[in-house]
Structures are given as C-alpha cells and as structure tokens.
N, C-alpha and C. Protein backbone atom coordinates (compact mmCIF):
# COMPACT_ATOMS: atom_id res chain seq x y z
N MET A 1 -69.71 102.67 60.64
CA MET A 1 -68.88 102.51 61.80
C MET A 1 -67.98 101.29 61.62
N GLY A 2 -68.19 100.27 62.35
CA GLY A 2 -67.39 99.06 62.26
C GLY A 2 -68.04 97.95 63.05
N ILE A 3 -67.47 96.82 62.94
CA ILE A 3 -67.99 95.66 63.67
C ILE A 3 -67.26 95.60 65.01
N LEU A 4 -68.03 95.59 66.09
CA LEU A 4 -67.44 95.54 67.42
C LEU A 4 -66.99 94.14 67.80
N CYS A 5 -67.74 93.15 67.38
CA CYS A 5 -67.35 91.78 67.69
C CYS A 5 -67.81 90.88 66.55
N GLN A 6 -67.10 89.79 66.39
CA GLN A 6 -67.44 88.81 65.37
C GLN A 6 -67.78 87.51 66.07
N PRO A 7 -68.62 86.69 65.47
CA PRO A 7 -68.94 85.42 66.11
C PRO A 7 -67.70 84.53 66.19
N ALA A 8 -67.50 83.93 67.35
CA ALA A 8 -66.32 83.10 67.57
C ALA A 8 -66.44 81.74 66.90
N ILE A 9 -67.64 81.20 66.86
CA ILE A 9 -67.85 79.88 66.29
C ILE A 9 -68.93 79.99 65.23
N LYS A 10 -68.66 79.43 64.06
CA LYS A 10 -69.66 79.42 62.99
C LYS A 10 -70.76 78.43 63.34
N THR A 11 -71.92 78.65 62.76
CA THR A 11 -73.05 77.76 62.99
C THR A 11 -72.75 76.41 62.35
N ILE A 12 -73.05 75.36 63.06
CA ILE A 12 -72.81 74.00 62.57
C ILE A 12 -73.98 73.59 61.71
N GLY A 13 -73.69 72.92 60.59
CA GLY A 13 -74.72 72.54 59.64
C GLY A 13 -75.72 71.55 60.19
N HIS A 14 -75.29 70.49 60.82
CA HIS A 14 -76.19 69.45 61.35
C HIS A 14 -76.16 69.54 62.87
N GLN A 15 -77.28 69.86 63.44
CA GLN A 15 -77.35 70.01 64.89
C GLN A 15 -77.61 68.67 65.60
N ASN A 16 -77.92 67.61 64.87
CA ASN A 16 -78.25 66.35 65.52
C ASN A 16 -77.05 65.42 65.65
N LEU A 17 -75.85 65.92 65.52
CA LEU A 17 -74.64 65.11 65.66
C LEU A 17 -74.45 64.76 67.13
N PRO A 18 -74.30 63.48 67.47
CA PRO A 18 -74.19 63.09 68.88
C PRO A 18 -72.78 63.32 69.43
N VAL A 19 -72.43 64.55 69.66
CA VAL A 19 -71.13 64.88 70.26
C VAL A 19 -71.36 65.75 71.48
N PRO A 20 -70.47 65.67 72.46
CA PRO A 20 -70.69 66.42 73.69
C PRO A 20 -70.30 67.90 73.59
N SER A 21 -69.52 68.30 72.61
CA SER A 21 -69.07 69.68 72.57
C SER A 21 -69.06 70.22 71.14
N VAL A 22 -69.09 71.52 71.04
CA VAL A 22 -69.03 72.19 69.75
C VAL A 22 -67.65 71.99 69.12
N ARG A 23 -66.61 71.99 69.93
CA ARG A 23 -65.25 71.78 69.41
C ARG A 23 -65.11 70.41 68.76
N MET A 24 -65.70 69.40 69.35
CA MET A 24 -65.65 68.05 68.77
C MET A 24 -66.44 68.02 67.47
N ALA A 25 -67.57 68.71 67.42
CA ALA A 25 -68.36 68.77 66.20
C ALA A 25 -67.60 69.48 65.10
N LEU A 26 -66.93 70.57 65.44
CA LEU A 26 -66.13 71.29 64.44
C LEU A 26 -64.98 70.43 63.93
N LEU A 27 -64.34 69.68 64.82
CA LEU A 27 -63.28 68.77 64.40
C LEU A 27 -63.82 67.70 63.46
N PHE A 28 -64.98 67.15 63.79
CA PHE A 28 -65.56 66.13 62.94
C PHE A 28 -65.94 66.69 61.58
N TYR A 29 -66.53 67.89 61.55
CA TYR A 29 -66.92 68.47 60.27
C TYR A 29 -65.71 68.87 59.43
N GLU A 30 -64.62 69.25 60.08
CA GLU A 30 -63.37 69.50 59.34
C GLU A 30 -62.88 68.20 58.71
N PHE A 31 -62.91 67.11 59.50
CA PHE A 31 -62.53 65.81 58.97
C PHE A 31 -63.44 65.40 57.82
N LEU A 32 -64.74 65.61 57.98
CA LEU A 32 -65.70 65.21 56.97
C LEU A 32 -65.51 65.98 55.67
N SER A 33 -65.23 67.27 55.75
CA SER A 33 -65.00 68.04 54.53
C SER A 33 -63.73 67.60 53.83
N ARG A 34 -62.67 67.33 54.60
CA ARG A 34 -61.42 66.83 53.98
C ARG A 34 -61.62 65.43 53.40
N TYR A 35 -62.41 64.60 54.08
CA TYR A 35 -62.69 63.25 53.59
C TYR A 35 -63.42 63.30 52.26
N LYS A 36 -64.42 64.16 52.16
CA LYS A 36 -65.16 64.29 50.89
C LYS A 36 -64.27 64.82 49.78
N GLU A 37 -63.40 65.76 50.11
CA GLU A 37 -62.46 66.30 49.12
C GLU A 37 -61.51 65.20 48.65
N TRP A 38 -61.04 64.35 49.56
CA TRP A 38 -60.16 63.24 49.21
C TRP A 38 -60.88 62.24 48.31
N LYS A 39 -62.14 61.92 48.65
CA LYS A 39 -62.90 60.98 47.83
C LYS A 39 -63.12 61.52 46.42
N THR A 40 -63.39 62.82 46.30
CA THR A 40 -63.58 63.44 44.99
C THR A 40 -62.28 63.38 44.18
N ALA A 41 -61.17 63.65 44.85
CA ALA A 41 -59.88 63.59 44.16
C ALA A 41 -59.55 62.16 43.73
N LYS A 42 -59.93 61.17 44.54
CA LYS A 42 -59.72 59.78 44.15
C LYS A 42 -60.54 59.43 42.91
N LEU A 43 -61.75 59.95 42.83
CA LEU A 43 -62.58 59.72 41.65
C LEU A 43 -61.94 60.37 40.42
N GLN A 44 -61.43 61.58 40.56
CA GLN A 44 -60.74 62.25 39.46
C GLN A 44 -59.50 61.46 39.04
N GLU A 45 -58.80 60.87 40.00
CA GLU A 45 -57.63 60.06 39.68
C GLU A 45 -58.03 58.82 38.88
N ALA A 46 -59.13 58.19 39.25
CA ALA A 46 -59.59 57.01 38.51
C ALA A 46 -60.01 57.38 37.09
N ILE A 47 -60.67 58.52 36.95
CA ILE A 47 -61.05 58.98 35.61
C ILE A 47 -59.81 59.29 34.78
N GLY A 48 -58.81 59.91 35.40
CA GLY A 48 -57.56 60.18 34.70
C GLY A 48 -56.87 58.91 34.25
N MET A 49 -56.91 57.87 35.08
CA MET A 49 -56.31 56.60 34.71
C MET A 49 -57.05 55.96 33.54
N LEU A 50 -58.37 56.06 33.53
CA LEU A 50 -59.14 55.52 32.41
C LEU A 50 -58.84 56.28 31.12
N ILE A 51 -58.70 57.59 31.21
CA ILE A 51 -58.34 58.39 30.03
C ILE A 51 -56.97 57.99 29.52
N LEU A 52 -56.02 57.80 30.44
CA LEU A 52 -54.68 57.36 30.03
C LEU A 52 -54.73 56.00 29.34
N LEU A 53 -55.50 55.10 29.90
CA LEU A 53 -55.62 53.76 29.31
C LEU A 53 -56.23 53.83 27.92
N PHE A 54 -57.29 54.61 27.76
CA PHE A 54 -57.94 54.74 26.46
C PHE A 54 -57.00 55.36 25.42
N VAL A 55 -56.35 56.46 25.78
CA VAL A 55 -55.45 57.13 24.83
C VAL A 55 -54.26 56.23 24.50
N GLY A 56 -53.75 55.52 25.50
CA GLY A 56 -52.64 54.60 25.24
C GLY A 56 -53.02 53.48 24.29
N LEU A 57 -54.21 52.93 24.48
CA LEU A 57 -54.67 51.89 23.56
C LEU A 57 -54.89 52.44 22.15
N CYS A 58 -55.37 53.67 22.06
CA CYS A 58 -55.54 54.31 20.75
C CYS A 58 -54.18 54.47 20.06
N ILE A 59 -53.17 54.87 20.82
CA ILE A 59 -51.83 55.04 20.24
C ILE A 59 -51.34 53.72 19.68
N LEU A 60 -51.59 52.64 20.39
CA LEU A 60 -51.09 51.34 19.95
C LEU A 60 -51.86 50.76 18.75
N PHE A 61 -53.18 50.90 18.77
CA PHE A 61 -53.99 50.19 17.77
C PHE A 61 -54.39 51.01 16.55
N LEU A 62 -54.26 52.34 16.59
CA LEU A 62 -54.63 53.14 15.42
C LEU A 62 -53.81 52.83 14.17
N PRO A 63 -52.51 52.60 14.26
CA PRO A 63 -51.78 52.27 13.03
C PRO A 63 -52.27 50.99 12.35
N TRP A 64 -52.76 50.03 13.12
CA TRP A 64 -53.26 48.79 12.53
C TRP A 64 -54.70 48.94 12.03
N LEU A 65 -55.48 49.74 12.74
CA LEU A 65 -56.88 49.90 12.34
C LEU A 65 -57.04 50.84 11.14
N LEU A 66 -56.23 51.87 11.06
CA LEU A 66 -56.26 52.84 9.96
C LEU A 66 -54.88 52.92 9.33
N PRO A 67 -54.59 52.06 8.35
CA PRO A 67 -53.24 52.00 7.80
C PRO A 67 -52.78 53.30 7.14
N GLU A 68 -53.67 54.08 6.53
CA GLU A 68 -53.23 55.29 5.84
C GLU A 68 -52.92 56.43 6.80
N ARG A 69 -53.82 56.66 7.76
CA ARG A 69 -53.67 57.81 8.66
C ARG A 69 -53.33 57.40 10.09
N GLY A 70 -53.16 56.17 10.36
CA GLY A 70 -52.97 55.68 11.72
C GLY A 70 -51.74 56.22 12.42
N ILE A 71 -50.63 56.35 11.70
CA ILE A 71 -49.40 56.84 12.34
C ILE A 71 -49.53 58.32 12.69
N ILE A 72 -50.13 59.10 11.81
CA ILE A 72 -50.32 60.53 12.09
C ILE A 72 -51.27 60.70 13.28
N MET A 73 -52.34 59.92 13.30
CA MET A 73 -53.28 60.01 14.42
C MET A 73 -52.63 59.52 15.72
N SER A 74 -51.75 58.55 15.63
CA SER A 74 -51.02 58.08 16.81
C SER A 74 -50.13 59.17 17.37
N MET A 75 -49.51 59.94 16.49
CA MET A 75 -48.67 61.06 16.95
C MET A 75 -49.52 62.13 17.65
N VAL A 76 -50.71 62.40 17.09
CA VAL A 76 -51.61 63.36 17.73
C VAL A 76 -52.07 62.81 19.09
N MET A 77 -52.37 61.53 19.13
CA MET A 77 -52.79 60.92 20.39
C MET A 77 -51.66 60.91 21.41
N LEU A 78 -50.42 60.86 20.92
CA LEU A 78 -49.27 60.91 21.83
C LEU A 78 -49.22 62.25 22.56
N VAL A 79 -49.59 63.33 21.86
CA VAL A 79 -49.66 64.65 22.50
C VAL A 79 -50.77 64.64 23.56
N PHE A 80 -51.93 64.07 23.22
CA PHE A 80 -53.01 63.95 24.20
C PHE A 80 -52.58 63.11 25.40
N PHE A 81 -51.82 62.05 25.12
CA PHE A 81 -51.32 61.18 26.19
C PHE A 81 -50.41 61.97 27.14
N TYR A 82 -49.57 62.83 26.59
CA TYR A 82 -48.68 63.65 27.41
C TYR A 82 -49.49 64.53 28.36
N PHE A 83 -50.50 65.21 27.85
CA PHE A 83 -51.31 66.09 28.69
C PHE A 83 -52.15 65.30 29.70
N ALA A 84 -52.65 64.15 29.30
CA ALA A 84 -53.41 63.31 30.22
C ALA A 84 -52.50 62.77 31.33
N LEU A 85 -51.26 62.44 30.98
CA LEU A 85 -50.32 61.96 31.98
C LEU A 85 -49.98 63.06 32.98
N ARG A 86 -49.79 64.28 32.50
CA ARG A 86 -49.53 65.41 33.40
C ARG A 86 -50.71 65.63 34.34
N TYR A 87 -51.93 65.56 33.79
CA TYR A 87 -53.12 65.72 34.62
C TYR A 87 -53.18 64.63 35.68
N TYR A 88 -52.95 63.38 35.28
CA TYR A 88 -53.00 62.26 36.21
C TYR A 88 -51.97 62.42 37.32
N LEU A 89 -50.76 62.82 36.98
CA LEU A 89 -49.72 62.97 38.00
C LEU A 89 -50.05 64.10 38.98
N GLU A 90 -50.64 65.18 38.50
CA GLU A 90 -51.05 66.27 39.39
C GLU A 90 -52.16 65.80 40.33
N VAL A 91 -53.13 65.10 39.79
CA VAL A 91 -54.23 64.62 40.62
C VAL A 91 -53.73 63.57 41.61
N ASN A 92 -52.83 62.72 41.18
CA ASN A 92 -52.26 61.70 42.05
C ASN A 92 -51.51 62.35 43.22
N GLU A 93 -50.78 63.39 42.95
CA GLU A 93 -50.07 64.10 44.02
C GLU A 93 -51.06 64.74 44.99
N ARG A 94 -52.14 65.31 44.46
CA ARG A 94 -53.16 65.91 45.32
C ARG A 94 -53.86 64.84 46.16
N VAL A 95 -54.13 63.67 45.57
CA VAL A 95 -54.75 62.57 46.31
C VAL A 95 -53.85 62.15 47.47
N ASN A 96 -52.57 62.00 47.21
CA ASN A 96 -51.64 61.60 48.27
C ASN A 96 -51.58 62.65 49.38
N HIS A 97 -51.55 63.92 49.01
CA HIS A 97 -51.51 65.00 50.00
C HIS A 97 -52.79 65.02 50.83
N LEU A 98 -53.93 64.89 50.17
CA LEU A 98 -55.20 64.90 50.88
C LEU A 98 -55.33 63.67 51.78
N TYR A 99 -54.81 62.53 51.33
CA TYR A 99 -54.88 61.33 52.16
C TYR A 99 -54.11 61.53 53.46
N ILE A 100 -52.97 62.18 53.38
CA ILE A 100 -52.19 62.43 54.60
C ILE A 100 -52.98 63.32 55.55
N ASN A 101 -53.60 64.38 55.02
CA ASN A 101 -54.41 65.27 55.86
C ASN A 101 -55.59 64.52 56.48
N VAL A 102 -56.28 63.74 55.69
CA VAL A 102 -57.44 63.00 56.19
C VAL A 102 -57.00 61.96 57.21
N HIS A 103 -55.88 61.29 56.95
CA HIS A 103 -55.39 60.27 57.87
C HIS A 103 -55.02 60.89 59.22
N ILE A 104 -54.40 62.07 59.20
CA ILE A 104 -54.04 62.74 60.45
C ILE A 104 -55.29 63.11 61.23
N LEU A 105 -56.29 63.69 60.54
CA LEU A 105 -57.54 64.04 61.23
C LEU A 105 -58.27 62.79 61.73
N HIS A 106 -58.24 61.72 60.95
CA HIS A 106 -58.86 60.46 61.36
C HIS A 106 -58.18 59.93 62.62
N HIS A 107 -56.87 59.95 62.63
CA HIS A 107 -56.11 59.50 63.79
C HIS A 107 -56.41 60.38 65.01
N HIS A 108 -56.53 61.68 64.79
CA HIS A 108 -56.84 62.61 65.88
C HIS A 108 -58.24 62.33 66.45
N LEU A 109 -59.19 62.06 65.56
CA LEU A 109 -60.54 61.72 66.03
C LEU A 109 -60.55 60.41 66.80
N ILE A 110 -59.80 59.43 66.34
CA ILE A 110 -59.72 58.15 67.06
C ILE A 110 -59.12 58.37 68.44
N GLY A 111 -58.09 59.21 68.52
CA GLY A 111 -57.50 59.53 69.81
C GLY A 111 -58.48 60.22 70.73
N LYS A 112 -59.26 61.14 70.19
CA LYS A 112 -60.29 61.82 71.00
C LYS A 112 -61.33 60.81 71.49
N LEU A 113 -61.69 59.87 70.64
CA LEU A 113 -62.68 58.87 71.04
C LEU A 113 -62.14 57.97 72.14
N GLU A 114 -60.84 57.65 72.08
CA GLU A 114 -60.25 56.75 73.08
C GLU A 114 -59.96 57.45 74.40
N VAL A 115 -59.61 58.74 74.35
CA VAL A 115 -59.13 59.40 75.55
C VAL A 115 -60.12 60.39 76.14
N GLY A 116 -60.53 61.38 75.35
CA GLY A 116 -61.29 62.46 75.95
C GLY A 116 -62.48 62.90 75.15
N PHE A 117 -63.39 62.00 74.89
CA PHE A 117 -64.55 62.36 74.06
C PHE A 117 -65.61 63.10 74.86
N CYS A 118 -65.90 62.64 76.04
CA CYS A 118 -66.94 63.29 76.84
C CYS A 118 -66.43 63.50 78.27
N ASP A 119 -67.23 64.23 79.06
CA ASP A 119 -66.85 64.56 80.43
C ASP A 119 -67.60 63.74 81.47
N HIS A 120 -68.23 62.67 81.07
CA HIS A 120 -68.97 61.85 82.02
C HIS A 120 -68.01 61.12 82.95
N SER A 121 -68.33 61.11 84.23
CA SER A 121 -67.48 60.41 85.18
C SER A 121 -67.86 58.93 85.28
N ALA A 122 -69.12 58.63 85.08
CA ALA A 122 -69.59 57.25 85.10
C ALA A 122 -69.47 56.65 83.70
N PRO A 123 -69.43 55.33 83.59
CA PRO A 123 -69.37 54.71 82.27
C PRO A 123 -70.58 55.13 81.42
N CYS A 124 -70.30 55.44 80.17
CA CYS A 124 -71.36 55.90 79.27
C CYS A 124 -71.16 55.26 77.89
N HIS A 125 -72.09 55.54 77.00
CA HIS A 125 -72.05 54.98 75.65
C HIS A 125 -71.89 56.06 74.60
N CYS A 126 -71.29 57.18 74.96
CA CYS A 126 -71.13 58.30 74.02
C CYS A 126 -70.27 57.91 72.82
N VAL A 127 -69.18 57.22 73.08
CA VAL A 127 -68.26 56.85 72.00
C VAL A 127 -68.94 55.87 71.05
N GLU A 128 -69.61 54.88 71.61
CA GLU A 128 -70.29 53.89 70.77
C GLU A 128 -71.40 54.53 69.95
N ASN A 129 -72.14 55.43 70.58
CA ASN A 129 -73.22 56.12 69.85
C ASN A 129 -72.67 56.95 68.70
N PHE A 130 -71.60 57.68 68.95
CA PHE A 130 -71.00 58.50 67.91
C PHE A 130 -70.43 57.63 66.79
N SER A 131 -69.71 56.57 67.16
CA SER A 131 -69.13 55.67 66.14
C SER A 131 -70.20 55.02 65.29
N ARG A 132 -71.29 54.56 65.92
CA ARG A 132 -72.38 53.96 65.16
C ARG A 132 -73.05 54.97 64.23
N TYR A 133 -73.22 56.18 64.74
CA TYR A 133 -73.83 57.24 63.93
C TYR A 133 -72.99 57.53 62.68
N VAL A 134 -71.68 57.67 62.86
CA VAL A 134 -70.79 57.98 61.74
C VAL A 134 -70.74 56.81 60.76
N GLU A 135 -70.70 55.59 61.29
CA GLU A 135 -70.68 54.40 60.42
C GLU A 135 -71.97 54.32 59.60
N LYS A 136 -73.08 54.58 60.25
CA LYS A 136 -74.38 54.48 59.57
C LYS A 136 -74.59 55.63 58.59
N GLN A 137 -74.26 56.85 59.01
CA GLN A 137 -74.56 58.03 58.23
C GLN A 137 -73.56 58.26 57.10
N TYR A 138 -72.26 58.07 57.39
CA TYR A 138 -71.22 58.44 56.43
C TYR A 138 -70.38 57.26 55.93
N ASN A 139 -70.61 56.07 56.47
CA ASN A 139 -69.87 54.87 56.09
C ASN A 139 -68.37 55.02 56.37
N ILE A 140 -68.04 55.63 57.50
CA ILE A 140 -66.66 55.82 57.93
C ILE A 140 -66.50 55.11 59.26
N SER A 141 -65.49 54.25 59.35
CA SER A 141 -65.29 53.46 60.56
C SER A 141 -64.15 54.05 61.39
N PHE A 142 -64.38 54.13 62.69
CA PHE A 142 -63.33 54.56 63.61
C PHE A 142 -62.75 53.39 64.38
N SER A 143 -63.26 52.18 64.15
CA SER A 143 -62.82 51.03 64.95
C SER A 143 -61.55 50.39 64.40
N ASN A 144 -61.35 50.34 63.09
CA ASN A 144 -60.20 49.63 62.54
C ASN A 144 -59.02 50.53 62.22
N GLY A 145 -59.20 51.83 62.20
CA GLY A 145 -58.11 52.75 61.93
C GLY A 145 -57.77 52.92 60.46
N LEU A 146 -58.52 52.28 59.58
CA LEU A 146 -58.26 52.37 58.15
C LEU A 146 -59.34 53.21 57.47
N LEU A 147 -58.93 53.93 56.43
CA LEU A 147 -59.87 54.70 55.65
C LEU A 147 -60.10 54.00 54.31
N ARG A 148 -61.33 54.05 53.85
CA ARG A 148 -61.61 53.47 52.53
C ARG A 148 -62.27 54.47 51.65
C-alpha cells in the first residue's frame, strides 16, 4: 500500500538536554552537528598546512642534502606541493563556509537565549542552566559571542 503519515519530528538523541521545547532542542542539535563538522574541517586544514610546510621544506633542502638526486627529487616534491596546496585551499574554503554557517546558528541561539528561550512568566534560571550545561558538556560558550 503506502505510508499514510510520516513522523513530523525525528527522535532526539539526548533526552536530558535542559530545553523547554523540542524545536529548541532541534535547533541546538543542528548547531552542534555543524559545529562538529567545522571543528573537523579545521583539523583537516591544520593537517594540510603541516603537509604544505613539510613538502616546502623538502623542496628547499633536498638539493643540499642529496647533491646528485636532490634537484630531481625537488621537482617531484614540487608536484606534490601543487596537489597539497590545492587540497589546502579547498579545505580552507570549506572551513570558511562552515564557520559562517556555525556563526549564524550560534548567533541565532544567543538571540533565542536572550529573547524567547522559555515560556515562564516569572523569573527563572532556564537560560543559565542551559548555558552552563552546554559550557560543561560541549565547551561552547554563549556568553561572549565568540566561537573557538
């Protein structure tokens, strides 16, 4: 036959998140997945930079270390340098794109925390509890507006 209805909201992975609504939890988990993707891309960028540094140093020092074959090996390393540079530039572009996405979601979450996080009419500690939880659990701060 067919499916008559589909679930509107997917099951959330961690049920102990101190948020007042499922929509806020989904927004946070979207931010968290993008944040982890950005951190992974930053690590790949650092590895790419180290590879570039190593290959560049090899290009410079191989002619002096190996006088007979050093120039030929430097030319081969120059080809490796070209491909490593292309990889680094692609990863760098992805890091910048992901940072913009993460920064927008971070800013959106900060706005939700400042304006409409919960529906309590009396003063409450929902925002502080959530901020402390995220700081403790994920090492992400919502107080300074900066991502690290």
